[in-house]
């Protein structure tokens, strides 16, 4: 309600655009600068990490909602489906184990998705000629058609997720997200079985 009231004041002053609204809030209410409105919860910890956790959780949900809309006319259930089709397209004939390592999914979950995409005739499977115990996965003709449409939808989703950030803000965000991806990729590959307490110690 507080945000809506301030939005109304902003509009009454002929303000336009969410980016300008953000600047308006910062100028008019600098005390709100460190903790985003509606994310400081009374009675609990509200430092950077606590607020970041709440924001991250909400952004994950917004991503889920937008993805569902984007793929509603395609035989894809989630970005995991899209990611697997894209990986297979790029790698041509990857093994199932390669797909699992790339996807960051649980083995059983990834196998189930591949199995479903095969049933939908989006992927095909065949034994690796170099190692008959391994299964290679390929993109079917129908899978390629679906992927071509999904790429456009995924790009549109990314544009919406980026909101009205400026080009410089997007560049800054990409650098920060890339840094986080590098950090978590390292932990995942080098310390896959490390518990949270051990990871926290590593962070100092």
N, C-alpha and C. Protein backbone atom coordinates (compact mmCIF):
# COMPACT_ATOMS: atom_id res chain seq x y z
N UNK A 1 0.84 -1.19 0.00
CA UNK A 1 0.00 0.00 0.00
C UNK A 1 0.88 1.26 0.00
N UNK A 2 1.98 1.20 0.74
CA UNK A 2 2.90 2.33 0.80
C UNK A 2 3.47 2.63 -0.58
N UNK A 3 3.86 1.59 -1.29
CA UNK A 3 4.42 1.77 -2.63
C UNK A 3 3.37 2.34 -3.58
N UNK A 4 2.13 1.82 -3.51
CA UNK A 4 1.06 2.30 -4.39
C UNK A 4 0.77 3.77 -4.14
N UNK A 5 0.78 4.18 -2.88
CA UNK A 5 0.53 5.58 -2.55
C UNK A 5 1.61 6.48 -3.15
N UNK A 6 2.85 6.03 -3.07
CA UNK A 6 3.95 6.83 -3.62
C UNK A 6 3.92 6.83 -5.15
N UNK A 7 3.48 5.73 -5.73
CA UNK A 7 3.32 5.66 -7.19
C UNK A 7 2.28 6.68 -7.65
N UNK A 8 1.17 6.80 -6.88
CA UNK A 8 0.12 7.76 -7.21
C UNK A 8 0.65 9.18 -7.15
N UNK A 9 1.44 9.50 -6.10
CA UNK A 9 2.06 10.83 -6.00
C UNK A 9 2.97 11.09 -7.19
N UNK A 10 3.73 10.08 -7.55
CA UNK A 10 4.67 10.18 -8.68
C UNK A 10 3.91 10.48 -9.97
N UNK A 11 2.81 9.76 -10.20
CA UNK A 11 2.01 9.97 -11.41
C UNK A 11 1.36 11.35 -11.41
N UNK A 12 0.92 11.81 -10.25
CA UNK A 12 0.30 13.13 -10.14
C UNK A 12 1.29 14.23 -10.50
N UNK A 13 2.57 13.95 -10.33
CA UNK A 13 3.61 14.91 -10.68
C UNK A 13 4.11 14.70 -12.11
N UNK A 14 3.28 14.00 -12.89
CA UNK A 14 3.57 13.74 -14.31
C UNK A 14 4.78 12.84 -14.51
N UNK A 15 5.08 12.03 -13.50
CA UNK A 15 6.20 11.10 -13.63
C UNK A 15 5.88 9.94 -14.54
N UNK A 16 6.88 9.45 -15.27
CA UNK A 16 6.70 8.33 -16.19
C UNK A 16 7.85 7.35 -16.06
N UNK A 17 7.52 6.04 -16.16
CA UNK A 17 8.54 5.00 -16.20
C UNK A 17 8.96 4.52 -14.83
N UNK A 18 9.17 3.20 -14.72
CA UNK A 18 9.55 2.61 -13.44
C UNK A 18 10.95 3.03 -13.00
N UNK A 19 11.84 3.21 -13.97
CA UNK A 19 13.20 3.65 -13.61
C UNK A 19 13.16 5.03 -12.96
N UNK A 20 12.34 5.94 -13.53
CA UNK A 20 12.19 7.27 -12.96
C UNK A 20 11.50 7.22 -11.60
N UNK A 21 10.57 6.26 -11.45
CA UNK A 21 9.90 6.09 -10.16
C UNK A 21 10.91 5.68 -9.09
N UNK A 22 11.83 4.79 -9.46
CA UNK A 22 12.87 4.37 -8.53
C UNK A 22 13.72 5.55 -8.09
N UNK A 23 14.08 6.40 -9.06
CA UNK A 23 14.89 7.58 -8.73
C UNK A 23 14.10 8.54 -7.85
N UNK A 24 12.80 8.65 -8.13
CA UNK A 24 11.92 9.50 -7.33
C UNK A 24 11.90 9.04 -5.88
N UNK A 25 11.77 7.74 -5.68
CA UNK A 25 11.76 7.19 -4.32
C UNK A 25 13.09 7.47 -3.61
N UNK A 26 14.18 7.31 -4.35
CA UNK A 26 15.50 7.52 -3.75
C UNK A 26 15.70 8.99 -3.35
N UNK A 27 15.21 9.91 -4.22
CA UNK A 27 15.36 11.34 -3.94
C UNK A 27 14.48 11.79 -2.79
N UNK A 28 13.24 11.29 -2.78
CA UNK A 28 12.26 11.72 -1.79
C UNK A 28 12.43 11.02 -0.45
N UNK A 29 12.89 9.78 -0.52
CA UNK A 29 12.99 8.98 0.69
C UNK A 29 14.35 8.27 0.75
N UNK A 30 15.44 9.03 0.91
CA UNK A 30 16.79 8.41 0.91
C UNK A 30 16.99 7.39 2.02
N UNK A 31 16.15 7.48 3.08
CA UNK A 31 16.30 6.52 4.17
C UNK A 31 15.92 5.11 3.73
N UNK A 32 15.23 5.01 2.60
CA UNK A 32 14.85 3.70 2.08
C UNK A 32 15.90 3.14 1.14
N UNK A 33 16.99 3.87 0.95
CA UNK A 33 17.97 3.50 -0.06
C UNK A 33 18.61 2.15 0.12
N UNK A 34 18.92 1.77 1.37
CA UNK A 34 19.67 0.53 1.58
C UNK A 34 18.80 -0.71 1.56
N UNK A 35 17.58 -0.58 2.08
CA UNK A 35 16.68 -1.75 2.12
C UNK A 35 15.47 -1.46 1.26
N UNK A 36 15.25 -2.21 0.16
CA UNK A 36 14.11 -1.97 -0.71
C UNK A 36 12.79 -1.98 0.06
N UNK A 37 11.88 -1.08 -0.33
CA UNK A 37 10.56 -1.02 0.30
C UNK A 37 9.88 -2.38 0.22
N UNK A 38 9.23 -2.76 1.31
CA UNK A 38 8.47 -4.00 1.41
C UNK A 38 9.33 -5.23 1.63
N UNK A 39 10.65 -5.05 1.73
CA UNK A 39 11.51 -6.22 1.96
C UNK A 39 12.18 -6.15 3.33
N UNK A 40 11.99 -5.05 4.03
CA UNK A 40 12.44 -4.96 5.42
C UNK A 40 11.29 -5.45 6.29
N UNK A 41 11.47 -6.59 6.94
CA UNK A 41 10.39 -7.20 7.71
C UNK A 41 10.60 -6.95 9.19
N UNK A 42 9.60 -6.35 9.81
CA UNK A 42 9.71 -6.00 11.23
C UNK A 42 9.86 -7.26 12.08
N UNK A 43 10.80 -7.22 13.00
CA UNK A 43 10.96 -8.32 13.94
C UNK A 43 11.97 -9.36 13.52
N UNK A 44 12.53 -9.25 12.30
CA UNK A 44 13.55 -10.21 11.88
C UNK A 44 14.75 -9.46 11.32
N UNK A 45 15.82 -10.21 11.11
CA UNK A 45 17.07 -9.62 10.61
C UNK A 45 16.84 -8.99 9.23
N UNK A 46 17.35 -7.77 9.04
CA UNK A 46 17.15 -7.09 7.77
C UNK A 46 18.47 -6.57 7.19
N UNK A 47 19.56 -7.32 7.39
CA UNK A 47 20.82 -6.90 6.77
C UNK A 47 20.80 -7.27 5.29
N UNK A 48 21.91 -6.99 4.59
CA UNK A 48 21.97 -7.20 3.14
C UNK A 48 21.64 -8.64 2.75
N UNK A 49 22.18 -9.61 3.51
CA UNK A 49 21.98 -11.00 3.13
C UNK A 49 20.52 -11.43 3.29
N UNK A 50 19.87 -10.96 4.36
CA UNK A 50 18.47 -11.32 4.59
C UNK A 50 17.58 -10.76 3.49
N UNK A 51 17.79 -9.50 3.13
CA UNK A 51 16.98 -8.87 2.09
C UNK A 51 17.29 -9.48 0.73
N UNK A 52 18.57 -9.76 0.49
CA UNK A 52 18.96 -10.40 -0.77
C UNK A 52 18.26 -11.75 -0.92
N UNK A 53 18.20 -12.51 0.17
CA UNK A 53 17.52 -13.82 0.12
C UNK A 53 16.06 -13.69 -0.25
N UNK A 54 15.38 -12.70 0.33
CA UNK A 54 13.96 -12.51 0.03
C UNK A 54 13.77 -12.06 -1.42
N UNK A 55 14.61 -11.12 -1.86
CA UNK A 55 14.51 -10.66 -3.25
C UNK A 55 14.81 -11.78 -4.24
N UNK A 56 15.83 -12.56 -3.93
CA UNK A 56 16.22 -13.65 -4.82
C UNK A 56 15.07 -14.65 -4.96
N UNK A 57 14.43 -14.95 -3.82
CA UNK A 57 13.30 -15.88 -3.85
C UNK A 57 12.16 -15.36 -4.69
N UNK A 58 11.84 -14.07 -4.55
CA UNK A 58 10.75 -13.49 -5.33
C UNK A 58 11.09 -13.46 -6.83
N UNK A 59 12.32 -13.10 -7.15
CA UNK A 59 12.72 -13.05 -8.55
C UNK A 59 12.68 -14.44 -9.18
N UNK A 60 12.99 -15.47 -8.40
CA UNK A 60 12.90 -16.85 -8.89
C UNK A 60 11.45 -17.19 -9.24
N UNK A 61 10.51 -16.72 -8.40
CA UNK A 61 9.09 -16.97 -8.67
C UNK A 61 8.64 -16.20 -9.91
N UNK A 62 9.07 -14.94 -10.04
CA UNK A 62 8.71 -14.17 -11.22
C UNK A 62 9.24 -14.85 -12.49
N UNK A 63 10.45 -15.39 -12.41
CA UNK A 63 11.02 -16.11 -13.54
C UNK A 63 10.16 -17.32 -13.89
N UNK A 64 9.71 -18.04 -12.86
CA UNK A 64 8.84 -19.20 -13.08
C UNK A 64 7.54 -18.79 -13.76
N UNK A 65 6.91 -17.71 -13.29
CA UNK A 65 5.65 -17.26 -13.86
C UNK A 65 5.83 -16.87 -15.33
N UNK A 66 6.89 -16.10 -15.62
CA UNK A 66 7.12 -15.64 -16.98
C UNK A 66 7.45 -16.80 -17.92
N UNK A 67 8.23 -17.75 -17.43
CA UNK A 67 8.57 -18.92 -18.26
C UNK A 67 7.32 -19.72 -18.61
N UNK A 68 6.44 -19.87 -17.64
CA UNK A 68 5.20 -20.60 -17.87
C UNK A 68 4.38 -19.93 -18.97
N UNK A 69 4.31 -18.60 -18.94
CA UNK A 69 3.60 -17.85 -19.98
C UNK A 69 4.28 -18.01 -21.33
N UNK A 70 5.60 -17.89 -21.31
CA UNK A 70 6.37 -17.91 -22.56
C UNK A 70 6.21 -19.23 -23.30
N UNK A 71 6.19 -20.34 -22.56
CA UNK A 71 6.16 -21.66 -23.19
C UNK A 71 4.77 -22.30 -23.21
N UNK A 72 3.72 -21.51 -22.93
CA UNK A 72 2.39 -22.09 -22.79
C UNK A 72 1.87 -22.72 -24.09
N UNK A 73 2.36 -22.25 -25.23
CA UNK A 73 1.92 -22.82 -26.52
C UNK A 73 2.93 -23.81 -27.09
N UNK A 74 3.93 -24.15 -26.28
CA UNK A 74 4.96 -25.10 -26.70
C UNK A 74 4.94 -26.32 -25.78
N UNK A 75 5.41 -27.46 -26.26
CA UNK A 75 5.41 -28.67 -25.42
C UNK A 75 6.57 -28.71 -24.42
N UNK A 76 6.83 -27.58 -23.79
CA UNK A 76 7.90 -27.48 -22.80
C UNK A 76 7.30 -27.09 -21.46
N UNK A 77 7.76 -27.72 -20.40
CA UNK A 77 7.21 -27.47 -19.08
C UNK A 77 7.97 -26.40 -18.30
N UNK A 78 9.24 -26.21 -18.63
CA UNK A 78 10.05 -25.29 -17.84
C UNK A 78 11.31 -24.90 -18.61
N UNK A 79 12.11 -24.01 -18.00
CA UNK A 79 13.39 -23.63 -18.58
C UNK A 79 14.37 -24.80 -18.58
N UNK A 80 14.13 -25.78 -17.71
CA UNK A 80 14.99 -26.97 -17.71
C UNK A 80 14.84 -27.72 -19.03
N UNK A 81 13.59 -27.85 -19.50
CA UNK A 81 13.34 -28.48 -20.81
C UNK A 81 14.08 -27.72 -21.91
N UNK A 82 13.91 -26.40 -21.89
CA UNK A 82 14.54 -25.55 -22.90
C UNK A 82 16.06 -25.67 -22.85
N UNK A 83 16.62 -25.65 -21.63
CA UNK A 83 18.06 -25.73 -21.47
C UNK A 83 18.63 -27.03 -22.00
N UNK A 84 17.91 -28.13 -21.77
CA UNK A 84 18.39 -29.43 -22.26
C UNK A 84 18.34 -29.48 -23.78
N UNK A 85 17.25 -28.99 -24.39
CA UNK A 85 17.17 -28.97 -25.85
C UNK A 85 18.28 -28.11 -26.44
N UNK A 86 18.54 -26.97 -25.82
CA UNK A 86 19.58 -26.07 -26.31
C UNK A 86 20.96 -26.72 -26.21
N UNK A 87 21.22 -27.37 -25.08
CA UNK A 87 22.51 -28.03 -24.88
C UNK A 87 22.72 -29.13 -25.92
N UNK A 88 21.69 -29.93 -26.15
CA UNK A 88 21.79 -31.02 -27.14
C UNK A 88 22.03 -30.44 -28.53
N UNK A 89 21.36 -29.33 -28.83
CA UNK A 89 21.53 -28.69 -30.13
C UNK A 89 22.97 -28.21 -30.33
N UNK A 90 23.56 -27.63 -29.28
CA UNK A 90 24.92 -27.09 -29.37
C UNK A 90 25.97 -28.20 -29.42
N UNK A 91 25.78 -29.23 -28.58
CA UNK A 91 26.77 -30.30 -28.46
C UNK A 91 26.56 -31.43 -29.48
N UNK A 92 25.47 -31.35 -30.22
CA UNK A 92 25.15 -32.32 -31.29
C UNK A 92 24.75 -33.70 -30.75
N UNK A 93 25.69 -34.48 -30.25
CA UNK A 93 25.37 -35.83 -29.78
C UNK A 93 25.92 -36.09 -28.37
N UNK A 94 25.47 -35.30 -27.39
CA UNK A 94 26.02 -35.49 -26.04
C UNK A 94 25.53 -36.77 -25.40
N UNK A 95 26.30 -37.28 -24.45
CA UNK A 95 25.86 -38.43 -23.66
C UNK A 95 24.90 -37.93 -22.58
N UNK A 96 24.10 -38.84 -22.07
CA UNK A 96 23.18 -38.47 -20.99
C UNK A 96 23.92 -37.91 -19.79
N UNK A 97 25.07 -38.49 -19.49
CA UNK A 97 25.85 -38.01 -18.34
C UNK A 97 26.33 -36.58 -18.54
N UNK A 98 26.64 -36.22 -19.79
CA UNK A 98 27.05 -34.85 -20.09
C UNK A 98 25.90 -33.88 -19.83
N UNK A 99 24.69 -34.30 -20.21
CA UNK A 99 23.51 -33.45 -20.01
C UNK A 99 23.25 -33.23 -18.53
N UNK A 100 23.40 -34.28 -17.74
CA UNK A 100 23.18 -34.19 -16.29
C UNK A 100 24.18 -33.20 -15.67
N UNK A 101 25.44 -33.31 -16.06
CA UNK A 101 26.47 -32.41 -15.52
C UNK A 101 26.20 -30.96 -15.88
N UNK A 102 25.68 -30.75 -17.09
CA UNK A 102 25.38 -29.38 -17.54
C UNK A 102 24.16 -28.82 -16.83
N UNK A 103 23.13 -29.63 -16.67
CA UNK A 103 21.83 -29.14 -16.22
C UNK A 103 21.79 -28.74 -14.74
N UNK A 104 22.70 -29.29 -13.93
CA UNK A 104 22.71 -29.07 -12.49
C UNK A 104 21.48 -29.66 -11.80
N UNK A 105 20.79 -30.57 -12.49
CA UNK A 105 19.62 -31.23 -11.93
C UNK A 105 20.02 -32.53 -11.24
N UNK A 106 19.13 -33.01 -10.37
CA UNK A 106 19.33 -34.35 -9.80
C UNK A 106 19.30 -35.36 -10.94
N UNK A 107 20.09 -36.43 -10.81
CA UNK A 107 20.17 -37.43 -11.88
C UNK A 107 18.79 -37.93 -12.28
N UNK A 108 17.97 -38.32 -11.30
CA UNK A 108 16.66 -38.89 -11.59
C UNK A 108 15.76 -37.88 -12.29
N UNK A 109 15.84 -36.61 -11.86
CA UNK A 109 15.02 -35.56 -12.47
C UNK A 109 15.41 -35.34 -13.92
N UNK A 110 16.71 -35.28 -14.17
CA UNK A 110 17.20 -35.06 -15.54
C UNK A 110 16.83 -36.24 -16.44
N UNK A 111 16.98 -37.46 -15.93
CA UNK A 111 16.62 -38.65 -16.71
C UNK A 111 15.13 -38.62 -17.08
N UNK A 112 14.30 -38.21 -16.13
CA UNK A 112 12.86 -38.16 -16.37
C UNK A 112 12.51 -37.13 -17.44
N UNK A 113 13.19 -35.97 -17.40
CA UNK A 113 12.94 -34.94 -18.41
C UNK A 113 13.36 -35.44 -19.79
N UNK A 114 14.53 -36.06 -19.87
CA UNK A 114 14.99 -36.60 -21.16
C UNK A 114 14.02 -37.64 -21.67
N UNK A 115 13.57 -38.51 -20.78
CA UNK A 115 12.63 -39.56 -21.15
C UNK A 115 11.34 -38.96 -21.71
N UNK A 116 10.85 -37.91 -21.05
CA UNK A 116 9.62 -37.25 -21.50
C UNK A 116 9.82 -36.57 -22.85
N UNK A 117 10.96 -35.90 -23.03
CA UNK A 117 11.24 -35.22 -24.30
C UNK A 117 11.38 -36.23 -25.44
N UNK A 118 11.86 -37.44 -25.13
CA UNK A 118 11.93 -38.51 -26.13
C UNK A 118 10.51 -38.97 -26.49
N UNK A 119 9.67 -39.13 -25.47
CA UNK A 119 8.27 -39.54 -25.72
C UNK A 119 7.53 -38.50 -26.56
N UNK A 120 7.89 -37.24 -26.39
CA UNK A 120 7.26 -36.16 -27.15
C UNK A 120 7.87 -36.02 -28.54
N UNK A 121 8.82 -36.88 -28.86
CA UNK A 121 9.50 -36.86 -30.15
C UNK A 121 10.30 -35.57 -30.37
N UNK A 122 10.81 -35.00 -29.29
CA UNK A 122 11.66 -33.83 -29.39
C UNK A 122 13.13 -34.22 -29.36
N UNK A 123 13.41 -35.36 -28.74
CA UNK A 123 14.75 -35.92 -28.69
C UNK A 123 14.73 -37.37 -29.13
N UNK A 124 15.87 -37.85 -29.61
CA UNK A 124 16.02 -39.28 -29.93
C UNK A 124 17.26 -39.80 -29.21
N UNK A 125 17.31 -41.09 -29.01
CA UNK A 125 18.43 -41.72 -28.32
C UNK A 125 19.01 -42.85 -29.16
N UNK A 126 20.32 -43.05 -29.04
CA UNK A 126 20.95 -44.21 -29.67
C UNK A 126 22.26 -44.52 -28.93
N UNK A 127 22.69 -45.75 -29.04
CA UNK A 127 23.92 -46.16 -28.37
C UNK A 127 25.13 -45.45 -28.97
N UNK A 128 26.06 -45.08 -28.12
CA UNK A 128 27.31 -44.45 -28.57
C UNK A 128 28.12 -45.49 -29.34
N UNK A 129 28.45 -45.25 -30.63
CA UNK A 129 29.20 -46.23 -31.42
C UNK A 129 30.58 -46.55 -30.84
N UNK A 130 31.13 -45.61 -30.04
CA UNK A 130 32.43 -45.83 -29.43
C UNK A 130 32.34 -46.58 -28.10
N UNK A 131 31.16 -46.52 -27.49
CA UNK A 131 30.94 -47.18 -26.20
C UNK A 131 29.46 -47.56 -26.11
N UNK A 132 29.15 -48.82 -26.42
CA UNK A 132 27.76 -49.26 -26.50
C UNK A 132 27.03 -49.15 -25.17
N UNK A 133 27.77 -48.98 -24.07
CA UNK A 133 27.11 -48.85 -22.76
C UNK A 133 26.57 -47.44 -22.54
N UNK A 134 27.04 -46.49 -23.33
CA UNK A 134 26.60 -45.09 -23.19
C UNK A 134 25.53 -44.77 -24.22
N UNK A 135 24.63 -43.88 -23.84
CA UNK A 135 23.54 -43.44 -24.72
C UNK A 135 23.77 -42.00 -25.15
N UNK A 136 23.72 -41.78 -26.47
CA UNK A 136 23.81 -40.44 -27.01
C UNK A 136 22.41 -39.89 -27.27
N UNK A 137 22.28 -38.59 -27.17
CA UNK A 137 20.99 -37.94 -27.36
C UNK A 137 21.09 -36.95 -28.52
N UNK A 138 20.09 -36.96 -29.38
CA UNK A 138 20.06 -36.04 -30.51
C UNK A 138 18.74 -35.27 -30.54
N UNK A 139 18.77 -34.14 -31.23
CA UNK A 139 17.58 -33.34 -31.42
C UNK A 139 16.85 -33.85 -32.66
N UNK A 140 15.55 -34.13 -32.53
CA UNK A 140 14.76 -34.58 -33.68
C UNK A 140 14.37 -33.36 -34.53
N UNK A 141 13.80 -33.62 -35.68
CA UNK A 141 13.34 -32.53 -36.55
C UNK A 141 12.28 -31.71 -35.83
N UNK A 142 11.36 -32.39 -35.15
CA UNK A 142 10.32 -31.70 -34.39
C UNK A 142 10.94 -30.92 -33.22
N UNK A 143 11.95 -31.51 -32.61
CA UNK A 143 12.63 -30.84 -31.52
C UNK A 143 13.30 -29.56 -31.97
N UNK A 144 13.88 -29.58 -33.17
CA UNK A 144 14.54 -28.39 -33.71
C UNK A 144 13.52 -27.29 -33.97
N UNK A 145 12.34 -27.68 -34.46
CA UNK A 145 11.28 -26.69 -34.72
C UNK A 145 10.81 -26.04 -33.41
N UNK A 146 10.62 -26.87 -32.39
CA UNK A 146 10.18 -26.36 -31.09
C UNK A 146 11.26 -25.46 -30.49
N UNK A 147 12.51 -25.88 -30.59
CA UNK A 147 13.61 -25.10 -30.04
C UNK A 147 13.72 -23.74 -30.72
N UNK A 148 13.51 -23.69 -32.02
CA UNK A 148 13.59 -22.42 -32.75
C UNK A 148 12.57 -21.42 -32.22
N UNK A 149 11.38 -21.91 -31.89
CA UNK A 149 10.35 -21.03 -31.32
C UNK A 149 10.67 -20.68 -29.88
N UNK A 150 11.20 -21.66 -29.14
CA UNK A 150 11.51 -21.45 -27.72
C UNK A 150 12.63 -20.43 -27.53
N UNK A 151 13.59 -20.39 -28.45
CA UNK A 151 14.70 -19.43 -28.35
C UNK A 151 14.15 -18.00 -28.37
N UNK A 152 13.19 -17.76 -29.24
CA UNK A 152 12.58 -16.42 -29.32
C UNK A 152 11.86 -16.10 -28.02
N UNK A 153 11.10 -17.08 -27.51
CA UNK A 153 10.36 -16.88 -26.26
C UNK A 153 11.30 -16.65 -25.08
N UNK A 154 12.40 -17.38 -25.05
CA UNK A 154 13.37 -17.23 -23.96
C UNK A 154 14.01 -15.85 -24.00
N UNK A 155 14.28 -15.36 -25.20
CA UNK A 155 14.87 -14.02 -25.35
C UNK A 155 13.89 -12.95 -24.86
N UNK A 156 12.62 -13.12 -25.23
CA UNK A 156 11.59 -12.18 -24.78
C UNK A 156 11.45 -12.21 -23.26
N UNK A 157 11.53 -13.41 -22.69
CA UNK A 157 11.44 -13.55 -21.24
C UNK A 157 12.59 -12.81 -20.56
N UNK A 158 13.80 -12.95 -21.10
CA UNK A 158 14.97 -12.27 -20.53
C UNK A 158 14.80 -10.75 -20.59
N UNK A 159 14.22 -10.25 -21.69
CA UNK A 159 14.01 -8.81 -21.81
C UNK A 159 13.04 -8.30 -20.74
N UNK A 160 11.99 -9.08 -20.50
CA UNK A 160 11.02 -8.68 -19.48
C UNK A 160 11.65 -8.77 -18.08
N UNK A 161 12.41 -9.83 -17.84
CA UNK A 161 13.06 -9.99 -16.53
C UNK A 161 14.03 -8.84 -16.24
N UNK A 162 14.66 -8.33 -17.28
CA UNK A 162 15.59 -7.21 -17.10
C UNK A 162 14.87 -5.90 -16.83
N UNK A 163 13.53 -5.92 -17.00
CA UNK A 163 12.72 -4.74 -16.69
C UNK A 163 13.17 -3.52 -17.48
N UNK A 164 13.24 -2.37 -16.81
CA UNK A 164 13.65 -1.14 -17.50
C UNK A 164 15.05 -0.70 -17.07
N UNK A 165 15.90 -1.68 -16.77
CA UNK A 165 17.29 -1.36 -16.47
C UNK A 165 17.95 -0.73 -17.70
N UNK A 166 18.80 0.24 -17.46
CA UNK A 166 19.54 0.86 -18.57
C UNK A 166 20.59 -0.11 -19.09
N UNK A 167 21.19 0.24 -20.23
CA UNK A 167 22.23 -0.61 -20.81
C UNK A 167 23.39 -0.76 -19.84
N UNK A 168 23.75 0.34 -19.16
CA UNK A 168 24.86 0.28 -18.19
C UNK A 168 24.49 -0.59 -16.99
N UNK A 169 23.24 -0.48 -16.53
CA UNK A 169 22.79 -1.30 -15.41
C UNK A 169 22.79 -2.78 -15.78
N UNK A 170 22.36 -3.08 -17.01
CA UNK A 170 22.38 -4.48 -17.47
C UNK A 170 23.81 -4.99 -17.53
N UNK A 171 24.72 -4.15 -17.99
CA UNK A 171 26.13 -4.54 -18.07
C UNK A 171 26.69 -4.82 -16.68
N UNK A 172 26.35 -3.94 -15.71
CA UNK A 172 26.80 -4.13 -14.33
C UNK A 172 26.22 -5.41 -13.75
N UNK A 173 24.93 -5.64 -14.03
CA UNK A 173 24.26 -6.84 -13.50
C UNK A 173 24.87 -8.10 -14.09
N UNK A 174 25.17 -8.07 -15.38
CA UNK A 174 25.80 -9.23 -16.04
C UNK A 174 27.15 -9.56 -15.41
N UNK A 175 27.90 -8.52 -15.10
CA UNK A 175 29.21 -8.73 -14.49
C UNK A 175 29.06 -9.37 -13.11
N UNK A 176 28.10 -8.89 -12.32
CA UNK A 176 27.87 -9.44 -10.98
C UNK A 176 27.35 -10.88 -11.05
N UNK A 177 26.39 -11.12 -11.94
CA UNK A 177 25.85 -12.47 -12.07
C UNK A 177 26.90 -13.44 -12.60
N UNK A 178 27.75 -12.95 -13.51
CA UNK A 178 28.84 -13.79 -14.02
C UNK A 178 29.81 -14.16 -12.92
N UNK A 179 30.08 -13.19 -12.04
CA UNK A 179 30.98 -13.44 -10.90
C UNK A 179 30.37 -14.49 -9.97
N UNK A 180 29.06 -14.39 -9.70
CA UNK A 180 28.39 -15.36 -8.85
C UNK A 180 28.35 -16.74 -9.51
N UNK A 181 28.10 -16.76 -10.82
CA UNK A 181 28.06 -18.05 -11.53
C UNK A 181 29.42 -18.73 -11.47
N UNK A 182 30.48 -17.95 -11.64
CA UNK A 182 31.84 -18.51 -11.56
C UNK A 182 32.10 -19.08 -10.17
N UNK A 183 31.69 -18.34 -9.14
CA UNK A 183 31.90 -18.78 -7.76
C UNK A 183 31.17 -20.09 -7.49
N UNK A 184 29.88 -20.15 -7.86
CA UNK A 184 29.09 -21.33 -7.56
C UNK A 184 29.46 -22.52 -8.45
N UNK A 185 29.90 -22.24 -9.67
CA UNK A 185 30.37 -23.32 -10.54
C UNK A 185 31.60 -23.99 -9.94
N UNK A 186 32.50 -23.16 -9.41
CA UNK A 186 33.70 -23.68 -8.77
C UNK A 186 33.34 -24.56 -7.57
N UNK A 187 32.45 -24.06 -6.71
CA UNK A 187 32.03 -24.85 -5.54
C UNK A 187 31.39 -26.17 -5.96
N UNK A 188 30.55 -26.10 -6.98
CA UNK A 188 29.83 -27.29 -7.43
C UNK A 188 30.77 -28.35 -8.01
N UNK A 189 31.78 -27.89 -8.72
CA UNK A 189 32.69 -28.82 -9.37
C UNK A 189 33.78 -29.35 -8.42
N UNK A 190 34.28 -28.47 -7.56
CA UNK A 190 35.42 -28.83 -6.70
C UNK A 190 34.97 -29.38 -5.35
N UNK A 191 33.87 -28.84 -4.82
CA UNK A 191 33.39 -29.28 -3.50
C UNK A 191 31.91 -29.67 -3.56
N UNK A 192 31.55 -30.64 -4.40
CA UNK A 192 30.14 -30.97 -4.59
C UNK A 192 29.45 -31.52 -3.34
N UNK A 193 30.19 -32.11 -2.44
CA UNK A 193 29.58 -32.73 -1.24
C UNK A 193 29.79 -31.92 0.03
N UNK A 194 30.26 -30.70 -0.12
CA UNK A 194 30.53 -29.87 1.04
C UNK A 194 29.22 -29.39 1.66
N UNK A 195 29.13 -29.44 3.01
CA UNK A 195 27.90 -28.96 3.66
C UNK A 195 27.96 -27.43 3.82
N UNK A 196 26.85 -26.84 4.24
CA UNK A 196 26.75 -25.38 4.30
C UNK A 196 27.72 -24.77 5.30
N UNK A 197 27.92 -25.45 6.42
CA UNK A 197 28.84 -24.93 7.44
C UNK A 197 30.26 -24.82 6.88
N UNK A 198 30.67 -25.84 6.13
CA UNK A 198 32.01 -25.83 5.53
C UNK A 198 32.13 -24.71 4.50
N UNK A 199 31.07 -24.52 3.71
CA UNK A 199 31.08 -23.45 2.71
C UNK A 199 31.15 -22.08 3.36
N UNK A 200 30.41 -21.90 4.45
CA UNK A 200 30.44 -20.62 5.17
C UNK A 200 31.83 -20.33 5.71
N UNK A 201 32.52 -21.35 6.20
CA UNK A 201 33.89 -21.18 6.68
C UNK A 201 34.79 -20.74 5.52
N UNK A 202 34.55 -21.33 4.35
CA UNK A 202 35.36 -20.99 3.18
C UNK A 202 35.17 -19.52 2.81
N UNK A 203 33.97 -19.01 3.04
CA UNK A 203 33.68 -17.60 2.74
C UNK A 203 34.34 -16.67 3.75
N UNK A 204 34.71 -17.22 4.92
CA UNK A 204 35.34 -16.39 5.94
C UNK A 204 34.30 -15.61 6.72
